Amino acid sequence: MFLASIARRVRRDDDGVAMAAVVGLMAMGVVLTAVISTTVVSSVSFTSLTRAGVQSQAGADAGVAAARAGLIAGECFANLGVFESANGTVPSYRAEVQVRTGSTWTNVCPSTTEDQVRIVSTGWSSDDGIGPDTGGDETVVEAMLSTVEAGGGLAPSGPALYAYNSQGFSGGGTILSLSGEVAEIMVYEGGINCNGGADGTANLVIRDGNLTLSGGCLLKGNVWVDGTANLSGGGQINGNLVADGVTMTTRVGGSVWSDGPLSVSNGTGIGGNAVAHSLAISSSTIGGSAWIRNNAYFGWSGRVVGNLTAQSRSNAGATAGTVGSQTLIPAGPGAAPWSEPPAPFVPGWTDYPYNADDWPGHRLVVMGSNCNSAAITAALATIGDRPGIIDSRGCSSNGLFSVSGGDTYNVRDDLVIVANRFNFSGGAHFNAPSAARMWLIIPDGTDDDEPTCAANSNFSISGGATWDSDLTLMIYTPCRVDFSSSTYIRGQVYAGAATIAGGATIAYAAVGLPGFDLSTGDTTGSTTTEADRTVLWQRGLSSDD
């Protein structure tokens, strides 16, 4: 009995120990489950936070890109400086363009390329964070943009010399290229009389008119004439010649294409091939072959080194004229195997009325009636070391800007001078300490695609006026511009008419006008305010910044 009682007591004690173990195991399971649950929830929350952050960052970056594209396209003012994604699109953003004034950033569009600009862009996630982790739902970035040198969006364009009409070259006028780019002389209508030792390392294009070349005039490029070409008196073309009809007693170094008759005489010749409606040649040589759609007439000592292909041939005498070989086609030979070089396009006139807003970043000085040397020097001092405009249309003598007498004027940056009349003479000199551009403009305010020159307006450069080699000029005038004496300019001329004489030289370097492509005659749809500003740096901001 006693032993049985002890045994029962031992079993009861074991039951207590087992119960404690079970309770302990259950407690550990509860803690482990809680830990696992917390870890899973935390991981899901962290994953959603990361995903939201990536999406909102992509949205903010897209906003910066959209605002930069809008600035380049000139859409800032139309959008009031705000660029937003469309509702429901991904990524989602809102970007604001701001300009710094003093120490304050203001939500406005830049008026000049020299304004300091930043973009503040906010991007939002399309899948928000879970629970309290919403820090990635919105990202704000600040992108600081570079400034652009004033005039940076102005694309150089146009030929060395554009004349709606031309009175021609005379007395040693010269056009050449400094950069290796082909310089071009373009005449929209009217002919050119090139004489007196004129020289040009340039192509010449006459859209509607004739060419008279004489007196030692040397054209070193190709020549296109939508009219007749008359070459005599020692004048010469080194390149090709394309014209409606050609009469020549001098030399063409390249080939000749004539839609009409071709007459070659007096000991001169053609270095290349000849293609013409008809040919008359005497005392001259065609160095290549000749393709003549009708009759080829040979006077004494006329010669074709290569093959003559023609409808027929006639001679001054039984032994007149020699050819390397000959093919006669009674029905006519048809099109020549050598295509004429295509003529460069000559655009119509570009009316430029002038507006100070076309020149952002330029300091404007409006002259009074007194525009003497001291007043011009004072205007340049006011402009200082930044780009500037001198509007001298209010000067006496009908808005005359005139310099002479050996005075020197210091141009420290790009300079625009607007006047109704220009006169440069008497040894006046424009000095530039570094490379700069200079526009000399007589505006054309009549929108009719033709030069409209006001009464008593003129543009004259003579008497030893000079410009530093670091200054590149753009001369625009609807009137006639006269170069004479030993004038030398680097740049280009766009004029209603032009005369280059007396040893004057234009060393071609394209400058252009804001808002226009002078090579095509089209508007560019942009001004110098629309430039690609690079991102200097980009950083994140808090939503409270």
Protein backbone atom coordinates (compact mmCIF):
# COMPACT_ATOMS: atom_id res chain seq x y z
CA MET A 1 0.00 0.00 0.00
CA PHE A 2 2.75 2.33 0.94
CA LEU A 3 4.68 1.57 -2.24
CA ALA A 4 1.62 2.09 -4.46
CA SER A 5 1.08 5.51 -2.91
CA ILE A 6 4.65 6.53 -3.71
CA ALA A 7 4.29 5.36 -7.30
CA ARG A 8 1.13 7.42 -7.84
CA ARG A 9 2.87 10.53 -6.43
CA VAL A 10 5.80 10.12 -8.84
CA ARG A 11 3.47 9.90 -11.85
CA ARG A 12 1.71 13.10 -10.77
CA ASP A 13 5.06 14.89 -10.51
CA ASP A 14 5.99 13.74 -14.04
CA ASP A 15 2.73 15.13 -15.39
CA GLY A 16 3.65 18.57 -14.03
CA VAL A 17 7.05 18.52 -15.67
CA ALA A 18 5.57 17.51 -19.03
CA MET A 19 2.98 20.26 -18.82
CA ALA A 20 5.65 22.88 -18.22
CA ALA A 21 7.61 21.65 -21.23
CA VAL A 22 4.54 21.79 -23.45
CA VAL A 23 3.70 25.30 -22.30
CA GLY A 24 7.31 26.38 -22.97
CA LEU A 25 7.26 24.97 -26.47
CA MET A 26 3.96 26.66 -27.21
CA ALA A 27 5.35 30.03 -26.06
CA MET A 28 8.39 29.63 -28.27
CA GLY A 29 6.14 28.86 -31.25
CA VAL A 30 4.12 31.99 -30.67
CA VAL A 31 7.27 34.15 -30.52
CA LEU A 32 8.72 32.53 -33.65
CA THR A 33 5.47 33.03 -35.55
CA ALA A 34 5.41 36.68 -34.53
CA VAL A 35 9.00 37.17 -35.65
CA ILE A 36 8.35 35.50 -39.01
CA SER A 37 5.18 37.53 -39.55
CA THR A 38 6.96 40.79 -38.72
CA THR A 39 9.82 39.95 -41.08
CA VAL A 40 7.44 39.15 -43.94
CA VAL A 41 5.43 42.33 -43.44
CA SER A 42 8.62 44.41 -43.20
CA SER A 43 10.01 42.84 -46.39
CA VAL A 44 6.81 43.52 -48.31
CA SER A 45 6.79 47.12 -47.05
CA PHE A 46 10.46 47.62 -48.00
CA THR A 47 9.88 46.16 -51.47
CA SER A 48 6.91 48.46 -52.10
CA LEU A 49 8.94 51.44 -50.84
CA THR A 50 11.82 50.63 -53.23
CA ARG A 51 9.47 50.14 -56.17
CA ALA A 52 7.69 53.43 -55.49
CA GLY A 53 11.00 55.25 -55.16
CA VAL A 54 12.23 53.96 -58.53
CA GLN A 55 8.96 54.98 -60.22
CA SER A 56 8.85 58.47 -58.71
CA GLN A 57 12.54 59.06 -59.55
CA ALA A 58 11.84 58.08 -63.16
CA GLY A 59 8.96 60.54 -63.20
CA ALA A 60 11.08 63.38 -61.85
CA ASP A 61 13.81 62.67 -64.42
CA ALA A 62 11.21 62.62 -67.19
CA GLY A 63 10.00 66.04 -66.05
CA VAL A 64 13.50 67.49 -66.34
CA ALA A 65 13.82 66.07 -69.86
CA ALA A 66 10.42 67.46 -70.88
CA ALA A 67 11.26 70.94 -69.57
CA ARG A 68 14.64 70.98 -71.35
CA ALA A 69 12.97 69.93 -74.59
CA GLY A 70 10.39 72.67 -74.14
CA LEU A 71 13.08 75.30 -73.67
CA ILE A 72 14.86 74.21 -76.85
CA ALA A 73 11.59 74.20 -78.81
CA GLY A 74 10.61 77.66 -77.54
CA GLU A 75 7.50 76.34 -75.75
CA CYS A 76 8.30 77.69 -72.29
CA PHE A 77 6.19 80.86 -72.46
CA ALA A 78 3.25 79.06 -74.08
CA ASN A 79 3.29 76.56 -71.18
CA LEU A 80 3.76 79.30 -68.55
CA GLY A 81 6.97 77.56 -67.54
CA VAL A 82 5.19 74.36 -66.42
CA PHE A 83 5.53 70.96 -68.09
CA GLU A 84 3.21 68.20 -66.83
CA SER A 85 2.55 64.64 -67.86
CA ALA A 86 -0.92 63.86 -69.19
CA ASN A 87 -3.43 62.43 -66.74
CA GLY A 88 -3.09 58.69 -66.35
CA THR A 89 0.29 58.43 -68.05
CA VAL A 90 3.37 56.82 -66.57
CA PRO A 91 5.78 58.22 -65.52
CA SER A 92 3.88 61.01 -63.81
CA TYR A 93 5.58 64.38 -63.30
CA ARG A 94 5.28 68.16 -63.00
CA ALA A 95 8.30 70.29 -63.84
CA GLU A 96 8.64 74.05 -63.29
CA VAL A 97 11.17 76.31 -65.00
CA GLN A 98 12.65 78.93 -62.68
CA VAL A 99 14.95 81.91 -63.24
CA ARG A 100 17.21 83.35 -60.59
CA THR A 101 16.81 87.03 -59.78
CA GLY A 102 19.34 88.06 -57.18
CA SER A 103 19.10 85.34 -54.53
CA THR A 104 15.49 84.38 -55.37
CA TRP A 105 14.21 81.73 -57.76
CA THR A 106 11.06 82.78 -59.61
CA ASN A 107 8.68 80.65 -61.68
CA VAL A 108 9.23 82.43 -65.01
CA CYS A 109 10.75 81.56 -68.38
CA PRO A 110 14.22 82.86 -69.30
CA SER A 111 14.23 85.94 -71.50
CA THR A 112 17.88 85.51 -72.48
CA THR A 113 20.30 82.65 -72.80
CA GLU A 114 22.41 84.33 -70.12
CA ASP A 115 19.69 83.96 -67.45
CA GLN A 116 20.50 81.41 -64.76
CA VAL A 117 17.87 78.68 -65.02
CA ARG A 118 16.92 75.65 -62.97
CA ILE A 119 14.19 73.04 -63.29
CA VAL A 120 12.38 71.75 -60.21
CA SER A 121 10.63 68.51 -61.10
CA THR A 122 8.34 66.33 -58.99
CA GLY A 123 7.72 62.71 -59.95
CA TRP A 124 5.09 60.36 -58.52
CA SER A 125 4.96 56.59 -58.33
CA SER A 126 2.20 54.64 -59.99
CA ASP A 127 2.28 52.03 -57.18
CA ASP A 128 2.44 53.68 -53.76
CA GLY A 129 4.28 52.25 -50.78
CA ILE A 130 2.40 49.97 -48.35
CA GLY A 131 1.49 51.09 -44.87
CA PRO A 132 3.53 53.86 -43.31
CA ASP A 133 6.38 53.55 -45.87
CA THR A 134 5.32 56.25 -48.35
CA GLY A 135 8.68 58.00 -48.61
CA GLY A 136 9.16 56.80 -52.19
CA ASP A 137 5.75 57.88 -53.47
CA GLU A 138 7.09 61.33 -54.42
CA THR A 139 10.54 62.45 -55.55
CA VAL A 140 11.61 66.07 -56.07
CA VAL A 141 14.78 66.90 -58.01
CA GLU A 142 16.55 70.14 -58.87
CA ALA A 143 18.44 70.37 -62.18
CA MET A 144 20.76 73.36 -62.65
CA LEU A 145 21.17 74.35 -66.31
CA SER A 146 24.04 76.10 -67.99
CA THR A 147 23.87 79.55 -69.46
CA VAL A 148 24.50 79.93 -73.18
CA GLU A 149 26.55 82.67 -74.78
CA ALA A 150 24.25 85.29 -76.28
CA GLY A 151 23.60 84.53 -79.90
CA GLY A 152 24.43 80.85 -79.35
CA GLY A 153 21.26 79.72 -81.10
CA LEU A 154 22.03 81.78 -84.20
CA ALA A 155 23.12 79.36 -86.90
CA PRO A 156 25.57 80.78 -89.43
CA SER A 157 24.07 80.65 -92.92
CA GLY A 158 24.10 82.32 -96.30
CA PRO A 159 26.63 82.90 -99.08
CA ALA A 160 29.64 85.20 -99.09
CA LEU A 161 27.72 87.74 -101.16
CA TYR A 162 24.00 87.79 -101.86
CA ALA A 163 22.69 90.53 -104.11
CA TYR A 164 19.08 90.75 -105.20
CA ASN A 165 20.50 92.88 -108.02
CA SER A 166 24.18 93.39 -108.78
CA GLN A 167 26.11 96.12 -110.44
CA GLY A 168 29.03 93.70 -110.44
CA PHE A 169 32.71 93.51 -109.68
CA SER A 170 35.15 96.01 -111.03
CA GLY A 171 38.62 97.34 -110.42
CA GLY A 172 40.06 94.37 -108.57
CA GLY A 173 37.24 93.27 -106.25
CA THR A 174 38.03 89.91 -104.57
CA ILE A 175 36.02 87.25 -102.76
CA LEU A 176 37.81 84.36 -101.09
CA SER A 177 37.24 81.71 -98.44
CA LEU A 178 39.25 81.46 -95.24
CA SER A 179 37.93 78.17 -93.88
CA GLY A 180 38.12 76.02 -97.00
CA GLU A 181 34.32 76.12 -97.29
CA VAL A 182 33.25 77.10 -100.80
CA ALA A 183 32.39 80.77 -100.95
CA GLU A 184 29.43 81.61 -103.16
CA ILE A 185 28.30 84.77 -104.90
CA MET A 186 24.55 84.73 -105.53
CA VAL A 187 22.57 87.14 -107.67
CA TYR A 188 18.80 86.76 -107.68
CA GLU A 189 18.09 88.85 -110.76
CA GLY A 190 20.10 91.08 -113.05
CA GLY A 191 23.51 90.52 -114.54
CA ILE A 192 27.08 90.81 -113.36
CA ASN A 193 29.79 92.77 -115.09
CA CYS A 194 33.08 91.43 -113.74
CA ASN A 195 36.02 93.49 -114.95
CA GLY A 196 39.17 95.37 -113.98
CA GLY A 197 41.19 92.55 -112.48
CA ALA A 198 38.47 91.24 -110.16
CA ASP A 199 39.36 87.93 -108.49
CA GLY A 200 37.19 85.43 -106.68
CA THR A 201 37.92 82.06 -105.08
CA ALA A 202 34.21 81.39 -105.19
CA ASN A 203 31.31 79.93 -107.12
CA LEU A 204 29.07 82.40 -108.93
CA VAL A 205 25.34 81.80 -109.42
CA ILE A 206 23.14 84.20 -111.42
CA ARG A 207 19.54 83.02 -111.06
CA ASP A 208 18.12 85.33 -113.73
CA GLY A 209 20.53 87.47 -115.74
CA ASN A 210 23.65 87.55 -117.86
CA LEU A 211 27.37 87.47 -117.15
CA THR A 212 29.93 89.73 -118.77
CA LEU A 213 33.47 88.84 -117.84
CA SER A 214 36.38 90.97 -119.05
CA GLY A 215 39.40 93.06 -118.06
CA GLY A 216 41.29 90.33 -116.26
CA CYS A 217 38.38 89.19 -114.07
CA LEU A 218 39.32 85.78 -112.65
CA LEU A 219 36.66 83.47 -111.19
CA LYS A 220 38.30 80.43 -109.63
CA GLY A 221 35.16 78.40 -108.94
CA ASN A 222 32.19 77.17 -110.98
CA VAL A 223 29.76 79.56 -112.67
CA TRP A 224 26.03 79.09 -113.34
CA VAL A 225 24.20 81.68 -115.46
CA ASP A 226 20.49 81.53 -116.23
CA GLY A 227 21.18 83.73 -119.22
CA THR A 228 24.11 84.27 -121.56
CA ALA A 229 27.79 84.37 -120.70
CA ASN A 230 30.17 86.62 -122.63
CA LEU A 231 33.84 86.07 -121.76
CA SER A 232 36.50 88.34 -123.23
CA GLY A 233 39.46 90.63 -122.56
CA GLY A 234 41.60 88.33 -120.49
CA GLY A 235 38.87 87.24 -118.08
CA GLN A 236 38.94 83.59 -117.06
CA ILE A 237 36.92 80.91 -115.28
CA ASN A 238 38.94 78.15 -113.64
CA GLY A 239 35.99 75.85 -112.96
CA ASN A 240 32.95 74.79 -115.01
CA LEU A 241 30.52 77.08 -116.83
CA VAL A 242 26.81 76.44 -117.26
CA ALA A 243 24.76 78.99 -119.25
CA ASP A 244 21.97 79.44 -121.80
CA GLY A 245 24.49 80.56 -124.40
CA VAL A 246 28.27 81.16 -124.38
CA THR A 247 30.51 83.43 -126.42
CA MET A 248 34.10 83.26 -125.33
CA THR A 249 37.41 84.66 -126.45
CA THR A 250 39.10 83.65 -123.21
CA ARG A 251 39.59 80.42 -121.29
CA VAL A 252 37.40 78.12 -119.18
CA GLY A 253 39.50 75.63 -117.25
CA GLY A 254 36.70 73.11 -116.67
CA SER A 255 33.83 71.97 -118.90
CA VAL A 256 31.12 74.05 -120.57
CA TRP A 257 27.39 73.33 -120.84
CA SER A 258 25.40 75.66 -123.10
CA ASP A 259 21.69 75.24 -123.75
CA GLY A 260 22.18 77.50 -126.76
CA PRO A 261 25.10 78.20 -129.10
CA LEU A 262 28.72 77.93 -128.00
CA SER A 263 31.28 80.15 -129.74
CA VAL A 264 34.98 79.66 -128.95
CA SER A 265 37.63 81.73 -130.74
CA ASN A 266 40.81 83.82 -130.68
CA GLY A 267 43.35 81.35 -129.35
CA THR A 268 41.52 80.47 -126.14
CA GLY A 269 39.89 77.19 -125.23
CA ILE A 270 38.07 74.85 -122.89
CA GLY A 271 40.03 72.56 -120.62
CA GLY A 272 37.34 69.89 -120.29
CA ASN A 273 34.35 68.78 -122.35
CA ALA A 274 31.82 70.91 -124.23
CA VAL A 275 28.07 70.30 -124.49
CA ALA A 276 26.01 72.73 -126.58
CA HIS A 277 23.10 73.18 -128.97
CA SER A 278 25.60 74.23 -131.66
CA LEU A 279 29.33 74.89 -131.87
CA ALA A 280 31.50 77.41 -133.71
CA ILE A 281 35.21 77.06 -132.95
CA SER A 282 38.28 78.65 -134.50
CA SER A 283 41.84 79.27 -133.34
CA SER A 284 40.94 77.48 -130.11
CA THR A 285 41.02 74.02 -128.53
CA ILE A 286 38.52 71.92 -126.58
CA GLY A 287 40.73 69.72 -124.43
CA GLY A 288 38.15 66.99 -123.91
CA SER A 289 35.29 65.82 -126.13
CA ALA A 290 32.38 67.76 -127.64
CA TRP A 291 28.72 66.76 -127.70
CA ILE A 292 26.78 69.02 -130.07
CA ARG A 293 23.06 68.49 -130.60
CA ASN A 294 23.06 70.28 -133.99
CA ASN A 295 25.85 71.50 -136.26
CA ALA A 296 29.51 71.85 -135.32
CA TYR A 297 31.33 74.50 -137.36
CA PHE A 298 35.13 74.44 -137.53
CA GLY A 299 37.03 77.55 -138.56
CA TRP A 300 40.78 77.58 -139.14
CA SER A 301 42.75 76.01 -136.29
CA GLY A 302 39.63 74.84 -134.45
CA ARG A 303 40.34 71.62 -132.59
CA VAL A 304 38.63 68.98 -130.42
CA VAL A 305 41.22 66.74 -128.77
CA GLY A 306 38.74 63.97 -127.97
CA ASN A 307 35.66 62.77 -129.82
CA LEU A 308 33.21 65.01 -131.63
CA THR A 309 29.62 63.82 -131.49
CA ALA A 310 27.22 66.00 -133.48
CA GLN A 311 24.25 66.00 -135.81
CA SER A 312 26.39 67.49 -138.57
CA ARG A 313 29.70 69.19 -139.20
CA SER A 314 30.77 72.09 -141.45
CA ASN A 315 34.19 73.62 -142.08
CA ALA A 316 35.61 76.93 -143.19
CA GLY A 317 37.76 75.02 -145.66
CA ALA A 318 38.62 71.51 -146.68
CA THR A 319 41.40 71.24 -144.11
CA ALA A 320 39.86 73.42 -141.40
CA GLY A 321 39.44 71.88 -137.95
CA THR A 322 40.78 68.69 -136.42
CA VAL A 323 39.22 66.15 -134.07
CA GLY A 324 40.51 63.08 -132.29
CA SER A 325 37.55 61.09 -133.62
CA GLN A 326 34.11 61.87 -134.96
CA THR A 327 30.56 60.51 -134.69
CA LEU A 328 27.79 62.16 -136.72
CA ILE A 329 24.18 61.24 -135.98
CA PRO A 330 21.79 62.82 -138.54
CA ALA A 331 18.80 62.42 -136.21
CA GLY A 332 20.71 64.25 -133.48
CA PRO A 333 22.82 62.70 -130.70
CA GLY A 334 20.30 63.26 -127.91
CA ALA A 335 21.37 63.81 -124.32
CA ALA A 336 25.05 64.10 -123.52
CA PRO A 337 26.74 61.46 -121.36
CA TRP A 338 28.07 64.16 -119.01
CA SER A 339 25.47 65.68 -116.68
CA GLU A 340 25.89 69.34 -115.90
CA PRO A 341 26.62 70.10 -112.24
CA PRO A 342 23.45 71.18 -110.40
CA ALA A 343 23.30 74.88 -109.56
CA PRO A 344 23.20 75.92 -105.90
CA PHE A 345 19.78 77.18 -104.83
CA VAL A 346 19.39 80.97 -104.86
CA PRO A 347 16.62 81.91 -102.40
CA GLY A 348 14.42 84.96 -102.69
CA TRP A 349 14.92 88.06 -100.61
CA THR A 350 14.67 87.86 -96.82
CA ASP A 351 12.94 90.87 -95.26
CA TYR A 352 14.53 91.60 -91.88
CA PRO A 353 12.72 94.45 -90.06
CA TYR A 354 14.97 94.31 -86.93
CA ASN A 355 13.61 93.88 -83.45
CA ALA A 356 15.69 94.25 -80.28
CA ASP A 357 13.95 91.12 -78.91
CA ASP A 358 15.77 89.12 -81.60
CA TRP A 359 18.99 89.80 -79.72
CA PRO A 360 18.52 88.57 -76.12
CA GLY A 361 21.39 89.27 -73.79
CA HIS A 362 22.47 92.35 -75.76
CA ARG A 363 22.59 95.69 -73.96
CA LEU A 364 20.70 98.28 -76.01
CA VAL A 365 21.96 101.84 -76.45
CA VAL A 366 19.70 104.19 -78.43
CA MET A 367 21.61 107.12 -79.90
CA GLY A 368 20.30 110.66 -80.00
CA SER A 369 20.76 113.07 -82.87
CA ASN A 370 24.44 113.61 -82.02
CA CYS A 371 26.32 110.57 -83.31
CA ASN A 372 29.83 111.89 -83.57
CA SER A 373 32.94 109.91 -82.65
CA ALA A 374 32.69 110.78 -78.95
CA ALA A 375 29.05 109.65 -78.81
CA ILE A 376 29.87 106.33 -80.48
CA THR A 377 32.79 105.78 -78.09
CA ALA A 378 30.49 106.54 -75.14
CA ALA A 379 27.90 104.04 -76.43
CA LEU A 380 30.56 101.32 -76.67
CA ALA A 381 31.70 102.15 -73.13
CA THR A 382 28.11 101.80 -71.88
CA ILE A 383 27.85 98.37 -73.50
CA GLY A 384 31.15 97.35 -71.93
CA ASP A 385 32.25 93.73 -72.01
CA ARG A 386 28.92 92.21 -72.96
CA PRO A 387 27.06 91.87 -76.30
CA GLY A 388 25.38 95.10 -77.32
CA ILE A 389 23.20 96.99 -79.77
CA ILE A 390 23.70 100.56 -80.96
CA ASP A 391 20.49 101.86 -82.52
CA SER A 392 21.53 104.94 -84.47
CA ARG A 393 18.37 105.46 -86.53
CA GLY A 394 17.74 108.66 -84.58
CA CYS A 395 21.05 110.17 -85.64
CA SER A 396 21.06 113.32 -87.71
CA SER A 397 21.31 113.21 -91.52
CA ASN A 398 18.54 110.63 -91.77
CA GLY A 399 19.93 108.18 -89.24
CA LEU A 400 23.49 108.19 -90.56
CA PHE A 401 26.11 106.11 -88.75
CA SER A 402 29.39 107.53 -89.97
CA VAL A 403 32.98 107.03 -88.86
CA SER A 404 36.10 108.58 -90.36
CA GLY A 405 39.20 110.56 -89.47
CA GLY A 406 41.40 107.73 -88.23
CA ASP A 407 39.48 107.13 -84.98
CA THR A 408 39.66 103.71 -83.29
CA TYR A 409 36.62 102.04 -81.72
CA ASN A 410 36.95 99.14 -79.26
CA VAL A 411 34.49 96.27 -79.66
CA ARG A 412 34.72 93.89 -76.69
CA ASP A 413 31.95 91.42 -77.62
CA ASP A 414 29.30 90.82 -80.28
CA LEU A 415 27.91 94.12 -81.53
CA VAL A 416 24.84 95.03 -83.58
CA ILE A 417 24.68 98.48 -85.19
CA VAL A 418 21.35 99.53 -86.71
CA ALA A 419 21.10 102.60 -88.92
CA ASN A 420 19.29 104.06 -91.91
CA ARG A 421 22.61 104.87 -93.59
CA PHE A 422 26.23 103.78 -93.14
CA ASN A 423 29.45 105.46 -94.14
CA PHE A 424 32.89 104.08 -93.24
CA SER A 425 35.87 106.05 -94.49
CA GLY A 426 38.95 108.06 -93.58
CA GLY A 427 40.98 105.37 -91.89
CA ALA A 428 38.49 104.58 -89.10
CA HIS A 429 39.39 101.34 -87.32
CA PHE A 430 37.39 98.84 -85.24
CA ASN A 431 39.52 97.01 -82.72
CA ALA A 432 38.63 93.71 -81.01
CA PRO A 433 40.72 92.16 -78.21
CA SER A 434 39.21 88.72 -78.96
CA ALA A 435 36.98 87.03 -81.52
CA ALA A 436 33.61 88.75 -81.91
CA ARG A 437 30.85 89.26 -84.46
CA MET A 438 29.53 92.55 -85.77
CA TRP A 439 26.22 93.10 -87.57
CA LEU A 440 25.71 96.28 -89.63
CA ILE A 441 22.01 96.45 -90.41
CA ILE A 442 19.77 98.73 -92.44
CA PRO A 443 16.35 97.17 -91.69
CA ASP A 444 13.80 96.19 -94.32
CA GLY A 445 10.42 96.62 -92.67
CA THR A 446 8.29 95.93 -95.76
CA ASP A 447 7.17 92.30 -95.81
CA ASP A 448 7.04 91.74 -99.57
CA ASP A 449 9.98 89.39 -100.25
CA GLU A 450 11.78 92.15 -102.13
CA PRO A 451 14.37 94.67 -100.95
CA THR A 452 12.70 97.96 -100.00
CA CYS A 453 15.32 100.69 -99.75
CA ALA A 454 14.11 103.96 -98.23
CA ALA A 455 14.97 107.23 -99.93
CA ASN A 456 18.48 108.53 -99.18
CA SER A 457 19.55 105.23 -97.61
CA ASN A 458 22.92 103.92 -98.68
CA PHE A 459 25.86 101.84 -97.46
CA SER A 460 29.40 102.84 -98.34
CA ILE A 461 32.79 101.50 -97.24
CA SER A 462 35.83 103.31 -98.60
CA GLY A 463 38.87 105.36 -97.74
CA GLY A 464 40.82 102.82 -95.73
CA ALA A 465 38.25 101.90 -93.05
CA THR A 466 39.49 98.71 -91.36
CA TRP A 467 38.38 95.97 -88.97
CA ASP A 468 40.48 93.66 -86.83
CA SER A 469 40.89 90.12 -88.15
CA ASP A 470 39.12 88.91 -84.98
CA LEU A 471 35.94 90.71 -86.06
CA THR A 472 33.56 88.84 -88.37
CA LEU A 473 31.01 91.11 -90.10
CA MET A 474 27.48 90.56 -91.34
CA ILE A 475 26.27 93.41 -93.57
CA TYR A 476 22.52 93.46 -94.22
CA THR A 477 20.89 96.19 -96.28
CA PRO A 478 18.00 96.34 -98.74
CA CYS A 479 19.96 99.12 -100.47
CA ARG A 480 23.09 99.01 -102.58
CA VAL A 481 26.39 98.47 -100.79
CA ASP A 482 29.54 99.93 -102.33
CA PHE A 483 33.00 98.60 -101.50
CA SER A 484 35.91 100.51 -102.91
CA SER A 485 39.54 101.36 -102.27
CA SER A 486 41.47 98.61 -100.44
CA THR A 487 38.67 97.65 -98.03
CA TYR A 488 39.07 94.20 -96.45
CA ILE A 489 36.35 92.56 -94.38
CA ARG A 490 35.96 89.10 -92.94
CA GLY A 491 32.35 87.94 -93.08
CA GLN A 492 29.50 88.18 -95.56
CA VAL A 493 27.22 90.64 -97.35
CA TYR A 494 23.46 90.41 -97.92
CA ALA A 495 22.30 93.38 -99.97
CA GLY A 496 19.73 94.68 -102.39
CA ALA A 497 22.60 95.37 -104.79
CA ALA A 498 26.37 95.30 -104.53
CA THR A 499 29.49 96.66 -106.15
CA ILE A 500 32.94 95.41 -105.17
CA ALA A 501 35.72 97.44 -106.72
CA GLY A 502 39.08 99.14 -106.21
CA GLY A 503 40.88 96.23 -104.57
CA ALA A 504 38.12 95.55 -102.02
CA THR A 505 38.14 92.04 -100.55
CA ILE A 506 35.51 89.94 -98.77
CA ALA A 507 37.02 86.98 -96.89
CA TYR A 508 34.03 84.71 -96.47
CA ALA A 509 32.90 83.54 -93.05
CA ALA A 510 29.20 82.87 -92.47
CA VAL A 511 27.45 84.79 -89.67
CA GLY A 512 23.72 84.86 -90.46
CA LEU A 513 20.68 86.58 -88.92
CA PRO A 514 18.56 85.42 -85.97
CA GLY A 515 15.39 83.60 -86.98
CA PHE A 516 16.38 83.07 -90.63
CA ASP A 517 18.29 80.57 -92.72
CA LEU A 518 19.85 82.75 -95.39
CA SER A 519 20.90 79.68 -97.38
CA THR A 520 17.28 78.64 -97.97
CA GLY A 521 15.30 81.83 -97.31
CA ASP A 522 13.24 80.03 -94.66
CA THR A 523 12.52 81.14 -91.12
CA THR A 524 14.17 78.90 -88.57
CA GLY A 525 11.31 79.12 -86.09
CA SER A 526 13.76 79.92 -83.33
CA THR A 527 15.75 82.76 -81.87
CA THR A 528 18.79 82.87 -79.68
CA THR A 529 16.68 82.28 -76.53
CA GLU A 530 16.02 78.71 -77.68
CA ALA A 531 19.26 76.92 -76.96
CA ASP A 532 20.20 73.52 -75.57
CA ARG A 533 21.26 74.25 -72.01
CA THR A 534 23.27 71.37 -70.57
CA VAL A 535 22.58 70.02 -67.06
CA LEU A 536 25.41 71.19 -64.81
CA TRP A 537 24.24 69.06 -61.91
CA GLN A 538 21.11 67.42 -60.50
CA ARG A 539 20.21 66.61 -56.91
CA GLY A 540 17.28 65.46 -54.86
CA LEU A 541 15.24 67.87 -52.76
CA SER A 542 12.82 67.38 -49.94
CA SER A 543 9.24 68.33 -50.76
CA ASP A 544 9.63 71.32 -48.42
CA ASP A 545 12.62 72.85 -50.27
